[in-house]
């Protein structure tokens, strides 16, 4: 008698489990995040391909990176290398949105150098920036003041995106090569 009762209870529990599983898989397919882990890691985005074509970082990559939280065991660094031309320079500093920057350069950007933008160097940025004159295979140290409008440069920057652009901890290194 007891084994028959246990079999009935087990059958009812199994039936309830199958019904619940069917409900979560078939009736509520959009809410099954516990099963579809991929949607949590790689979100589906609707992106205009003409906008993506000119961006240095694909929007999907940015969305995935937004999901990371600070962890002392994980460190992101970004390294950019840009070959560009200085179209204007302000060696005496420049005010931008109420903040004074001791050095600023306007560089061309984009394919065929169609765009331009100002780069503002705060004090900590100036202190960490190394500048070299690149001639043949030699790199001769020079200063930011040796740069001029019309100079072609290579800028190599490494920074930690965990900090804002105004935090001195963001910039790891900045090297500018003036190409002769």
Protein backbone atom coordinates (compact mmCIF):
# COMPACT_ATOMS: atom_id res chain seq x y z
CA UNK A 1 0.00 0.00 0.00
CA UNK A 2 2.78 2.42 0.91
CA UNK A 3 4.71 1.84 -2.31
CA UNK A 4 1.55 2.42 -4.35
CA UNK A 5 0.98 5.75 -2.53
CA UNK A 6 4.60 6.79 -3.13
CA UNK A 7 4.28 5.99 -6.86
CA UNK A 8 1.12 8.14 -7.11
CA UNK A 9 2.80 11.07 -5.29
CA UNK A 10 5.92 10.78 -7.49
CA UNK A 11 3.77 10.67 -10.65
CA UNK A 12 1.81 13.78 -9.59
CA UNK A 13 5.04 15.67 -8.79
CA UNK A 14 6.55 14.65 -12.14
CA UNK A 15 3.41 15.77 -13.96
CA UNK A 16 3.49 19.17 -12.17
CA UNK A 17 7.18 19.61 -13.09
CA UNK A 18 6.50 18.83 -16.77
CA UNK A 19 3.57 21.27 -16.84
CA UNK A 20 5.70 24.04 -15.26
CA UNK A 21 8.57 23.41 -17.67
CA UNK A 22 6.16 23.48 -20.63
CA UNK A 23 4.69 26.75 -19.37
CA UNK A 24 8.11 28.44 -19.16
CA UNK A 25 9.31 27.10 -22.50
CA UNK A 26 6.18 27.34 -24.64
CA UNK A 27 3.79 29.88 -23.21
CA UNK A 28 6.32 32.45 -21.93
CA UNK A 29 9.19 32.20 -24.51
CA UNK A 30 10.28 35.83 -24.02
CA UNK A 31 10.72 35.44 -20.29
CA UNK A 32 12.98 32.38 -20.28
CA UNK A 33 16.18 34.27 -19.43
CA UNK A 34 17.22 31.51 -17.09
CA UNK A 35 17.50 29.23 -20.12
CA UNK A 36 18.60 31.72 -22.79
CA UNK A 37 21.81 32.94 -21.13
CA UNK A 38 23.16 34.18 -24.47
CA UNK A 39 20.68 37.08 -24.48
CA UNK A 40 22.10 38.23 -21.17
CA UNK A 41 25.70 38.21 -22.36
CA UNK A 42 25.31 39.37 -25.95
CA UNK A 43 22.31 41.66 -26.20
CA UNK A 44 20.55 41.84 -29.54
CA UNK A 45 20.80 45.31 -31.01
CA UNK A 46 19.24 46.97 -33.99
CA UNK A 47 22.02 48.98 -35.62
CA UNK A 48 22.10 51.18 -38.69
CA UNK A 49 25.07 49.85 -40.75
CA UNK A 50 25.91 53.26 -42.23
CA UNK A 51 26.43 54.65 -38.72
CA UNK A 52 28.62 51.70 -37.69
CA UNK A 53 30.84 51.91 -40.77
CA UNK A 54 32.66 55.05 -39.58
CA UNK A 55 32.94 54.26 -35.87
CA UNK A 56 36.17 53.04 -34.29
CA UNK A 57 34.28 50.87 -31.79
CA UNK A 58 31.27 48.85 -32.87
CA UNK A 59 28.17 49.65 -30.78
CA UNK A 60 27.65 45.96 -29.94
CA UNK A 61 31.11 45.89 -28.34
CA UNK A 62 30.24 48.94 -26.26
CA UNK A 63 26.99 47.35 -25.09
CA UNK A 64 28.78 44.16 -24.03
CA UNK A 65 31.47 46.14 -22.21
CA UNK A 66 28.84 48.16 -20.32
CA UNK A 67 27.88 44.96 -18.54
CA UNK A 68 31.21 44.66 -16.74
CA UNK A 69 31.50 45.87 -13.17
CA UNK A 70 34.60 47.00 -11.34
CA UNK A 71 36.63 44.06 -10.14
CA UNK A 72 40.23 44.38 -8.89
CA UNK A 73 40.97 41.10 -10.71
CA UNK A 74 39.85 42.43 -14.09
CA UNK A 75 41.39 45.39 -15.85
CA UNK A 76 40.48 46.94 -19.17
CA UNK A 77 42.88 49.19 -20.99
CA UNK A 78 42.37 50.82 -24.33
CA UNK A 79 45.23 51.61 -26.64
CA UNK A 80 44.67 53.85 -29.62
CA UNK A 81 47.08 54.75 -32.39
CA UNK A 82 46.12 57.63 -34.62
CA UNK A 83 48.03 59.11 -37.53
CA UNK A 84 46.73 62.61 -38.09
CA UNK A 85 47.64 66.20 -38.92
CA UNK A 86 47.59 69.13 -36.52
CA UNK A 87 45.35 71.77 -38.10
CA UNK A 88 45.57 74.27 -35.20
CA UNK A 89 47.45 74.48 -31.91
CA UNK A 90 47.11 76.50 -28.71
CA UNK A 91 50.42 76.32 -26.83
CA UNK A 92 49.31 78.93 -24.29
CA UNK A 93 46.26 76.94 -23.29
CA UNK A 94 42.59 77.07 -24.07
CA UNK A 95 39.36 77.40 -22.12
CA UNK A 96 36.73 74.76 -22.79
CA UNK A 97 33.36 74.68 -21.02
CA UNK A 98 34.68 76.76 -18.13
CA UNK A 99 37.85 74.71 -17.61
CA UNK A 100 41.32 75.91 -18.58
CA UNK A 101 43.58 73.43 -20.34
CA UNK A 102 47.30 74.37 -20.59
CA UNK A 103 47.68 72.83 -24.05
CA UNK A 104 45.32 72.00 -26.91
CA UNK A 105 45.62 70.79 -30.48
CA UNK A 106 43.06 70.54 -33.22
CA UNK A 107 43.55 67.42 -35.31
CA UNK A 108 41.94 66.13 -38.46
CA UNK A 109 40.15 62.83 -38.16
CA UNK A 110 38.34 60.27 -40.22
CA UNK A 111 39.02 58.84 -43.62
CA UNK A 112 40.58 61.43 -45.93
CA UNK A 113 40.91 63.73 -42.89
CA UNK A 114 37.45 65.20 -43.44
CA UNK A 115 36.63 65.92 -39.79
CA UNK A 116 38.47 67.83 -37.13
CA UNK A 117 38.31 68.04 -33.35
CA UNK A 118 40.09 69.73 -30.49
CA UNK A 119 42.07 67.64 -28.00
CA UNK A 120 42.43 69.32 -24.61
CA UNK A 121 45.39 68.42 -22.40
CA UNK A 122 44.87 68.93 -18.63
CA UNK A 123 47.96 69.35 -16.40
CA UNK A 124 48.26 65.65 -15.58
CA UNK A 125 48.00 64.82 -19.30
CA UNK A 126 50.78 67.26 -20.19
CA UNK A 127 52.96 65.75 -17.44
CA UNK A 128 52.48 62.19 -18.72
CA UNK A 129 52.89 63.01 -22.43
CA UNK A 130 56.11 62.06 -24.17
CA UNK A 131 56.87 63.74 -27.51
CA UNK A 132 59.44 62.58 -30.06
CA UNK A 133 60.69 63.72 -33.45
CA UNK A 134 60.65 60.64 -35.67
CA UNK A 135 63.38 60.84 -38.30
CA UNK A 136 64.29 57.70 -40.24
CA UNK A 137 64.70 55.08 -37.52
CA UNK A 138 65.51 57.53 -34.72
CA UNK A 139 63.23 59.07 -32.11
CA UNK A 140 64.61 62.30 -30.68
CA UNK A 141 62.86 63.62 -27.53
CA UNK A 142 61.18 67.02 -28.04
CA UNK A 143 58.48 68.94 -26.16
CA UNK A 144 54.83 69.72 -26.87
CA UNK A 145 55.92 73.26 -27.76
CA UNK A 146 57.90 71.85 -30.70
CA UNK A 147 54.65 70.80 -32.37
CA UNK A 148 53.13 73.17 -34.96
CA UNK A 149 50.06 73.47 -37.15
CA UNK A 150 50.58 71.41 -40.30
CA UNK A 151 52.68 68.75 -38.54
CA UNK A 152 51.82 65.14 -39.26
CA UNK A 153 51.82 63.15 -36.01
CA UNK A 154 51.24 59.68 -34.65
CA UNK A 155 49.50 59.65 -31.27
CA UNK A 156 49.62 56.47 -29.18
CA UNK A 157 47.45 56.63 -26.09
CA UNK A 158 46.72 54.00 -23.47
CA UNK A 159 44.08 54.62 -20.86
CA UNK A 160 41.93 52.90 -18.26
CA UNK A 161 38.21 53.36 -19.04
CA UNK A 162 37.26 52.70 -15.39
CA UNK A 163 38.08 56.37 -14.72
CA UNK A 164 36.58 59.54 -16.21
CA UNK A 165 38.60 61.69 -18.60
CA UNK A 166 39.19 64.26 -15.84
CA UNK A 167 40.72 61.70 -13.44
CA UNK A 168 44.54 61.49 -13.60
CA UNK A 169 44.28 57.70 -13.12
CA UNK A 170 42.59 57.33 -16.49
CA UNK A 171 45.68 58.09 -18.59
CA UNK A 172 48.29 55.36 -18.50
CA UNK A 173 50.52 56.78 -21.24
CA UNK A 174 50.49 59.26 -24.13
CA UNK A 175 53.22 59.30 -26.77
CA UNK A 176 53.24 61.68 -29.72
CA UNK A 177 55.59 61.22 -32.66
CA UNK A 178 56.16 64.21 -34.94
CA UNK A 179 56.87 62.73 -38.37
CA UNK A 180 59.59 64.50 -40.29
